[in-house]
């Protein structure tokens, strides 16, 4: 169909009685995360992978198709939740009232399943992509989300030590100098982390009693948000084992000038962006160019940068008393459901050979 460009303006009348979880509008409201829409139950577990050559420890959280388990997984650990509550001005005990759809440590289904790497944005943690990760796992993908310190808000390790976010760029330098440093970090640290995780997952798939034979290492995709979107696109370009990539509202190199764009890819690419990102001539959505027949650009009207995460769902339910809550649950839910649907469809096409009607039937809807 030539170069595929999908500019979708989606207007849906939402019934809040259908979409909202059953919660009391009180200080003790419960947030049940949207149920995954695939046919598999979902399990989750977190491991620590040590890269001895770089003296670097990485927390990697997995979501995967599972047999039914008995223990509902927590949304995140309490120290991570406390850091996020401070950063986002959330109620201090919000994490106790978030319900996930995954079972902690449940046995994995017989595979093998395609692998999707999930890359977080700067200053957040992998757990805020739980809705997306659970959705992918329910559709038959193993999802591996790496916490990349010091780009993450916090990394809390099983032995009790933690690594907090800190700048890895010259704080007082001009924008371009900062951008070059950020771009170098993406190449030298984040993409290197991706390669290391892939190496270890291949080993685990061969030798580990839990994972043995359950990952199809010939079918690998990567999705990232913000700085993670930058990482995903660069890793798609540079890592031969990755077949397709998705960038959720990330830039080429944050802070750099237009002369470094575009980054040419010869693999399938899906770019999902806010209208602000897509229309800004200084940071256009066409920062990456994939092969002619499988490059997709999608804009989500009414979204903002964090709409592609769980952030707006959580913030709509657990703002502090001092914070005015202007976030619409219905709009937040629509954005995350559009995102996870398109991501699952894209990887279904390029990692499983499924059809992709939403992506391959371009629709341009204009709201008057």
Protein backbone atom coordinates (compact mmCIF):
# COMPACT_ATOMS: atom_id res chain seq x y z
CA UNK A 1 0.00 0.00 0.00
CA UNK A 2 3.04 2.22 -0.27
CA UNK A 3 4.18 4.30 2.64
CA UNK A 4 1.43 3.92 5.23
CA UNK A 5 0.52 7.03 7.17
CA UNK A 6 -2.37 6.74 9.58
CA UNK A 7 -3.61 10.03 11.02
CA UNK A 8 -6.54 8.97 13.15
CA UNK A 9 -8.91 11.39 14.83
CA UNK A 10 -11.10 9.22 16.97
CA UNK A 11 -14.22 10.55 18.60
CA UNK A 12 -16.12 8.08 20.78
CA UNK A 13 -19.04 8.78 23.08
CA UNK A 14 -18.13 7.04 26.31
CA UNK A 15 -20.54 5.81 28.93
CA UNK A 16 -18.89 6.54 32.28
CA UNK A 17 -21.06 3.92 33.95
CA UNK A 18 -19.53 1.29 31.67
CA UNK A 19 -15.95 2.51 31.67
CA UNK A 20 -15.44 3.56 35.25
CA UNK A 21 -14.42 0.91 37.76
CA UNK A 22 -16.81 0.28 40.61
CA UNK A 23 -15.38 2.75 43.10
CA UNK A 24 -16.74 5.05 45.71
CA UNK A 25 -15.74 8.63 45.20
CA UNK A 26 -14.04 8.68 48.59
CA UNK A 27 -10.54 8.86 49.93
CA UNK A 28 -10.50 5.04 49.92
CA UNK A 29 -11.40 4.56 46.24
CA UNK A 30 -10.10 1.39 44.59
CA UNK A 31 -8.58 1.50 41.12
CA UNK A 32 -9.01 -1.74 39.19
CA UNK A 33 -6.75 -1.47 36.15
CA UNK A 34 -8.53 -2.14 32.83
CA UNK A 35 -8.80 -5.85 32.14
CA UNK A 36 -6.54 -7.25 29.41
CA UNK A 37 -8.47 -8.00 26.23
CA UNK A 38 -6.57 -11.09 25.06
CA UNK A 39 -7.34 -14.76 25.68
CA UNK A 40 -4.43 -15.61 28.00
CA UNK A 41 -4.18 -15.23 31.76
CA UNK A 42 -1.22 -13.06 32.80
CA UNK A 43 1.66 -13.81 35.15
CA UNK A 44 4.44 -11.50 36.28
CA UNK A 45 7.82 -11.73 37.99
CA UNK A 46 10.92 -9.54 38.45
CA UNK A 47 14.55 -10.63 38.29
CA UNK A 48 17.92 -8.92 38.69
CA UNK A 49 20.36 -9.32 35.81
CA UNK A 50 23.98 -8.42 36.47
CA UNK A 51 26.22 -7.22 33.65
CA UNK A 52 29.66 -7.96 35.08
CA UNK A 53 31.47 -6.37 32.14
CA UNK A 54 29.88 -3.00 32.94
CA UNK A 55 29.38 -3.52 36.68
CA UNK A 56 25.71 -2.77 36.15
CA UNK A 57 22.65 -4.36 37.78
CA UNK A 58 19.30 -4.21 36.02
CA UNK A 59 15.84 -5.01 37.36
CA UNK A 60 13.75 -6.65 34.66
CA UNK A 61 10.01 -7.19 35.15
CA UNK A 62 8.24 -9.78 33.01
CA UNK A 63 4.60 -10.15 32.09
CA UNK A 64 3.77 -13.38 30.26
CA UNK A 65 0.93 -15.74 29.24
CA UNK A 66 0.35 -17.91 32.28
CA UNK A 67 -1.66 -20.58 33.95
CA UNK A 68 -4.01 -19.23 36.59
CA UNK A 69 -2.21 -18.14 39.75
CA UNK A 70 -3.43 -17.51 43.29
CA UNK A 71 -1.58 -14.33 44.28
CA UNK A 72 -2.56 -11.02 42.65
CA UNK A 73 0.60 -9.06 41.82
CA UNK A 74 1.12 -5.69 43.52
CA UNK A 75 1.22 -2.67 41.25
CA UNK A 76 4.71 -1.78 42.48
CA UNK A 77 6.73 -2.04 45.69
CA UNK A 78 6.03 0.47 48.47
CA UNK A 79 9.32 2.39 48.19
CA UNK A 80 8.84 2.89 44.47
CA UNK A 81 5.23 3.94 45.14
CA UNK A 82 6.36 6.47 47.76
CA UNK A 83 8.80 8.03 45.28
CA UNK A 84 6.10 8.18 42.61
CA UNK A 85 3.55 9.64 45.04
CA UNK A 86 5.97 12.43 45.86
CA UNK A 87 6.76 13.07 42.20
CA UNK A 88 3.14 13.03 40.98
CA UNK A 89 1.50 14.47 44.14
CA UNK A 90 -0.52 11.35 44.82
CA UNK A 91 -2.05 10.12 48.06
CA UNK A 92 0.68 8.46 50.08
CA UNK A 93 -0.94 5.01 50.25
CA UNK A 94 -2.33 4.93 46.71
CA UNK A 95 -0.52 1.71 45.78
CA UNK A 96 -2.50 -0.28 48.35
CA UNK A 97 -5.67 0.51 46.40
CA UNK A 98 -4.52 -0.29 42.85
CA UNK A 99 -5.52 -3.74 41.60
CA UNK A 100 -3.63 -5.38 38.75
CA UNK A 101 -4.77 -8.27 36.55
CA UNK A 102 -1.62 -10.38 36.82
CA UNK A 103 -0.71 -13.28 39.12
CA UNK A 104 2.62 -13.06 40.89
CA UNK A 105 4.98 -15.87 39.89
CA UNK A 106 2.30 -17.93 38.13
CA UNK A 107 3.55 -20.82 35.93
CA UNK A 108 4.10 -19.82 32.32
CA UNK A 109 1.99 -21.37 29.58
CA UNK A 110 3.64 -23.67 27.09
CA UNK A 111 5.25 -21.51 24.43
CA UNK A 112 7.17 -20.41 22.63
CA UNK A 113 5.87 -16.84 22.58
CA UNK A 114 7.27 -13.77 20.77
CA UNK A 115 9.26 -11.38 22.95
CA UNK A 116 8.51 -7.66 23.36
CA UNK A 117 10.99 -5.41 25.16
CA UNK A 118 9.35 -2.48 26.99
CA UNK A 119 11.41 0.69 27.55
CA UNK A 120 10.35 3.33 30.08
CA UNK A 121 10.61 7.11 29.80
CA UNK A 122 12.91 9.33 31.84
CA UNK A 123 11.97 9.88 35.47
CA UNK A 124 9.37 7.12 35.70
CA UNK A 125 9.39 3.35 36.36
CA UNK A 126 8.34 0.29 34.32
CA UNK A 127 5.27 -0.32 36.51
CA UNK A 128 3.42 2.66 35.01
CA UNK A 129 3.13 0.67 31.76
CA UNK A 130 1.27 -2.20 33.46
CA UNK A 131 -1.93 -1.76 31.41
CA UNK A 132 0.07 -2.01 28.17
CA UNK A 133 2.21 -4.92 29.41
CA UNK A 134 -0.72 -6.95 30.74
CA UNK A 135 -2.54 -6.41 27.46
CA UNK A 136 0.38 -7.68 25.40
CA UNK A 137 0.88 -10.71 27.64
CA UNK A 138 -2.81 -11.57 27.34
CA UNK A 139 -2.35 -11.62 23.54
CA UNK A 140 0.46 -14.17 23.75
CA UNK A 141 3.66 -12.12 24.11
CA UNK A 142 6.38 -12.31 26.74
CA UNK A 143 7.03 -8.71 27.84
CA UNK A 144 10.36 -7.74 29.45
CA UNK A 145 10.56 -4.25 30.95
CA UNK A 146 13.98 -3.08 32.10
CA UNK A 147 14.51 -0.43 34.78
CA UNK A 148 17.42 1.72 33.51
CA UNK A 149 19.07 3.71 36.34
CA UNK A 150 19.77 6.58 36.60
CA UNK A 151 17.18 7.38 33.91
CA UNK A 152 14.35 5.83 35.96
CA UNK A 153 12.81 7.61 38.94
CA UNK A 154 14.01 4.86 41.28
CA UNK A 155 15.23 1.26 41.16
CA UNK A 156 14.67 -0.73 44.37
CA UNK A 157 16.65 -3.99 44.48
CA UNK A 158 15.79 -7.13 46.47
CA UNK A 159 18.77 -6.64 48.81
CA UNK A 160 17.33 -3.26 49.87
CA UNK A 161 19.62 -0.85 48.07
CA UNK A 162 18.15 1.67 45.66
CA UNK A 163 19.33 3.91 42.84
CA UNK A 164 17.59 7.26 42.39
CA UNK A 165 17.26 9.35 39.26
CA UNK A 166 20.05 11.80 38.58
CA UNK A 167 21.10 13.90 35.57
CA UNK A 168 23.53 12.29 33.15
CA UNK A 169 23.92 15.47 31.12
CA UNK A 170 25.66 18.79 31.91
CA UNK A 171 22.96 20.63 33.87
CA UNK A 172 24.17 24.15 33.11
CA UNK A 173 24.99 23.62 29.43
CA UNK A 174 22.92 24.88 26.50
CA UNK A 175 20.10 22.81 25.04
CA UNK A 176 22.08 21.32 22.18
CA UNK A 177 25.00 20.29 24.39
CA UNK A 178 22.56 18.65 26.78
CA UNK A 179 20.85 16.93 23.87
CA UNK A 180 24.11 15.52 22.56
CA UNK A 181 24.89 14.11 26.02
CA UNK A 182 21.40 12.59 26.29
CA UNK A 183 21.75 11.06 22.84
CA UNK A 184 25.12 9.59 23.79
CA UNK A 185 23.57 8.07 26.92
CA UNK A 186 20.84 6.52 24.79
CA UNK A 187 23.44 4.92 22.51
CA UNK A 188 26.11 4.00 25.05
CA UNK A 189 23.95 2.94 28.02
CA UNK A 190 20.31 2.33 27.09
CA UNK A 191 20.85 0.50 23.79
CA UNK A 192 23.71 -1.39 25.44
CA UNK A 193 21.25 -2.43 28.18
CA UNK A 194 18.87 -3.70 25.50
CA UNK A 195 21.60 -5.83 23.94
CA UNK A 196 22.65 -7.22 27.31
CA UNK A 197 19.06 -8.11 28.27
CA UNK A 198 18.57 -9.85 24.92
CA UNK A 199 21.77 -11.85 25.46
CA UNK A 200 20.64 -12.94 28.92
CA UNK A 201 17.12 -13.81 27.79
CA UNK A 202 18.53 -16.05 25.10
CA UNK A 203 20.61 -17.80 27.76
CA UNK A 204 17.61 -18.09 30.10
CA UNK A 205 15.49 -19.50 27.29
CA UNK A 206 18.09 -22.21 26.77
CA UNK A 207 18.96 -23.09 30.37
CA UNK A 208 16.60 -21.60 32.95
CA UNK A 209 14.06 -24.07 34.34
CA UNK A 210 11.23 -21.51 34.31
CA UNK A 211 11.84 -19.93 30.89
CA UNK A 212 13.27 -22.89 28.98
CA UNK A 213 11.82 -22.96 25.45
CA UNK A 214 9.01 -20.52 26.21
CA UNK A 215 10.45 -17.50 24.34
CA UNK A 216 10.64 -17.41 20.55
CA UNK A 217 13.93 -15.56 20.16
CA UNK A 218 13.47 -15.33 16.40
CA UNK A 219 10.48 -13.00 16.91
CA UNK A 220 11.45 -9.93 18.92
CA UNK A 221 9.90 -6.46 19.03
CA UNK A 222 10.52 -3.39 21.16
CA UNK A 223 8.24 -0.60 22.36
CA UNK A 224 9.25 2.47 24.32
CA UNK A 225 7.77 5.71 25.60
CA UNK A 226 9.47 9.13 25.58
CA UNK A 227 13.20 8.46 26.15
CA UNK A 228 12.27 4.80 25.91
CA UNK A 229 10.80 5.55 22.49
CA UNK A 230 14.15 6.97 21.46
CA UNK A 231 15.80 3.81 22.78
CA UNK A 232 13.30 1.58 20.98
CA UNK A 233 13.83 3.25 17.61
CA UNK A 234 17.61 3.24 17.92
CA UNK A 235 17.68 -0.39 19.04
CA UNK A 236 15.38 -1.35 16.15
CA UNK A 237 17.82 0.31 13.77
CA UNK A 238 20.99 -1.14 15.26
CA UNK A 239 20.11 -4.54 16.75
CA UNK A 240 19.69 -7.28 14.14
CA UNK A 241 17.64 -9.49 16.49
CA UNK A 242 14.84 -6.90 16.75
CA UNK A 243 12.30 -7.20 13.93
CA UNK A 244 9.97 -4.24 14.61
CA UNK A 245 9.78 -1.20 16.87
CA UNK A 246 7.26 1.21 18.38
CA UNK A 247 7.95 4.75 19.57
CA UNK A 248 5.34 6.24 21.92
CA UNK A 249 5.78 10.02 21.70
CA UNK A 250 9.57 9.94 21.90
CA UNK A 251 12.01 12.17 20.04
CA UNK A 252 15.10 11.32 18.03
CA UNK A 253 17.49 12.66 20.63
CA UNK A 254 15.74 14.90 23.18
CA UNK A 255 17.05 18.45 23.00
CA UNK A 256 18.92 18.11 19.72
CA UNK A 257 18.37 20.32 16.70
CA UNK A 258 16.53 19.42 13.52
CA UNK A 259 19.73 18.69 11.60
CA UNK A 260 20.06 15.22 13.18
CA UNK A 261 16.71 14.03 11.76
CA UNK A 262 15.45 11.72 10.40
CA UNK A 263 16.80 8.36 11.54
CA UNK A 264 16.35 5.90 8.69
CA UNK A 265 15.11 2.41 9.49
CA UNK A 266 14.70 -0.60 7.22
CA UNK A 267 12.26 -2.33 9.57
CA UNK A 268 8.61 -1.85 10.52
CA UNK A 269 7.94 1.17 12.74
CA UNK A 270 4.86 2.46 14.54
CA UNK A 271 5.03 6.02 15.86
CA UNK A 272 2.17 7.07 18.19
CA UNK A 273 2.22 10.72 19.18
CA UNK A 274 0.19 13.51 20.70
CA UNK A 275 -1.24 16.14 18.39
CA UNK A 276 1.16 18.67 19.92
CA UNK A 277 4.15 16.50 19.03
CA UNK A 278 2.87 15.67 15.56
CA UNK A 279 2.10 19.26 14.59
CA UNK A 280 5.12 21.01 16.12
CA UNK A 281 7.52 21.82 13.24
CA UNK A 282 10.43 21.76 15.69
CA UNK A 283 9.72 18.20 16.86
CA UNK A 284 7.74 16.54 14.10
CA UNK A 285 6.33 13.04 14.43
CA UNK A 286 8.20 11.98 11.26
CA UNK A 287 11.55 11.80 13.04
CA UNK A 288 12.04 8.18 12.00
CA UNK A 289 11.42 6.71 8.59
CA UNK A 290 10.88 2.97 8.26
CA UNK A 291 10.59 0.91 5.10
CA UNK A 292 8.05 2.14 2.58
CA UNK A 293 5.30 -0.41 3.15
CA UNK A 294 5.25 -0.60 6.93
CA UNK A 295 5.76 2.78 8.55
CA UNK A 296 2.77 3.99 10.56
CA UNK A 297 2.16 7.38 12.19
CA UNK A 298 -0.79 7.75 14.56
CA UNK A 299 -1.89 10.80 16.48
CA UNK A 300 -4.23 10.50 19.46
CA UNK A 301 -6.39 13.64 19.82
CA UNK A 302 -6.72 15.07 23.29
CA UNK A 303 -3.76 13.11 24.60
CA UNK A 304 -0.69 14.41 26.38
CA UNK A 305 2.76 12.95 26.85
CA UNK A 306 1.78 10.70 29.78
CA UNK A 307 -1.48 9.52 28.23
CA UNK A 308 0.32 6.47 26.82
CA UNK A 309 1.08 5.25 30.36
CA UNK A 310 -1.06 4.45 33.42
CA UNK A 311 -0.30 7.91 34.81
CA UNK A 312 -3.57 9.67 34.02
CA UNK A 313 -5.65 6.74 35.29
CA UNK A 314 -3.78 6.78 38.60
CA UNK A 315 -3.78 10.57 38.91
CA UNK A 316 -7.51 10.75 38.23
CA UNK A 317 -8.20 8.51 41.24
CA UNK A 318 -5.57 9.43 43.84
CA UNK A 319 -4.74 13.16 43.78
CA UNK A 320 -3.69 14.75 47.04
CA UNK A 321 -6.10 17.09 48.81
CA UNK A 322 -4.06 20.08 47.69
CA UNK A 323 -4.15 19.05 44.03
CA UNK A 324 -7.08 19.97 41.84
CA UNK A 325 -8.12 16.92 39.82
CA UNK A 326 -8.96 17.99 36.27
CA UNK A 327 -8.10 14.63 34.73
CA UNK A 328 -10.96 12.77 33.10
CA UNK A 329 -11.03 9.03 33.80
CA UNK A 330 -12.90 8.39 30.56
CA UNK A 331 -10.38 10.27 28.41
CA UNK A 332 -7.46 8.62 30.21
CA UNK A 333 -8.98 5.18 29.70
CA UNK A 334 -9.63 5.81 26.01
CA UNK A 335 -5.99 6.82 25.42
CA UNK A 336 -4.51 3.74 27.11
CA UNK A 337 -6.94 1.40 25.38
CA UNK A 338 -6.21 2.90 21.95
CA UNK A 339 -2.50 2.59 22.68
CA UNK A 340 -2.54 -1.02 23.82
CA UNK A 341 -4.86 -2.04 20.98
CA UNK A 342 -2.62 -0.56 18.27
CA UNK A 343 0.58 -1.87 19.90
CA UNK A 344 -0.86 -5.40 20.12
CA UNK A 345 -2.09 -5.22 16.53
CA UNK A 346 1.27 -4.00 15.21
CA UNK A 347 3.25 -6.73 16.98
CA UNK A 348 0.58 -9.26 16.04
CA UNK A 349 1.22 -8.41 12.39
CA UNK A 350 5.01 -8.32 12.41
CA UNK A 351 5.80 -10.99 15.02
CA UNK A 352 2.89 -13.39 14.47
CA UNK A 353 1.68 -12.76 10.92
CA UNK A 354 -1.80 -11.65 12.00
CA UNK A 355 -3.95 -9.12 10.18
CA UNK A 356 -3.88 -5.47 11.28
CA UNK A 357 -7.17 -3.89 10.19
CA UNK A 358 -6.83 -0.69 12.23
CA UNK A 359 -3.36 0.00 10.83
CA UNK A 360 -3.84 -1.23 7.26
CA UNK A 361 -7.18 0.49 6.59
CA UNK A 362 -6.18 4.17 6.89
CA UNK A 363 -9.02 6.35 8.11
CA UNK A 364 -9.06 10.09 8.35
CA UNK A 365 -11.93 11.34 10.50
CA UNK A 366 -12.38 15.09 10.79
CA UNK A 367 -14.31 16.44 13.76
CA UNK A 368 -16.18 19.61 12.86
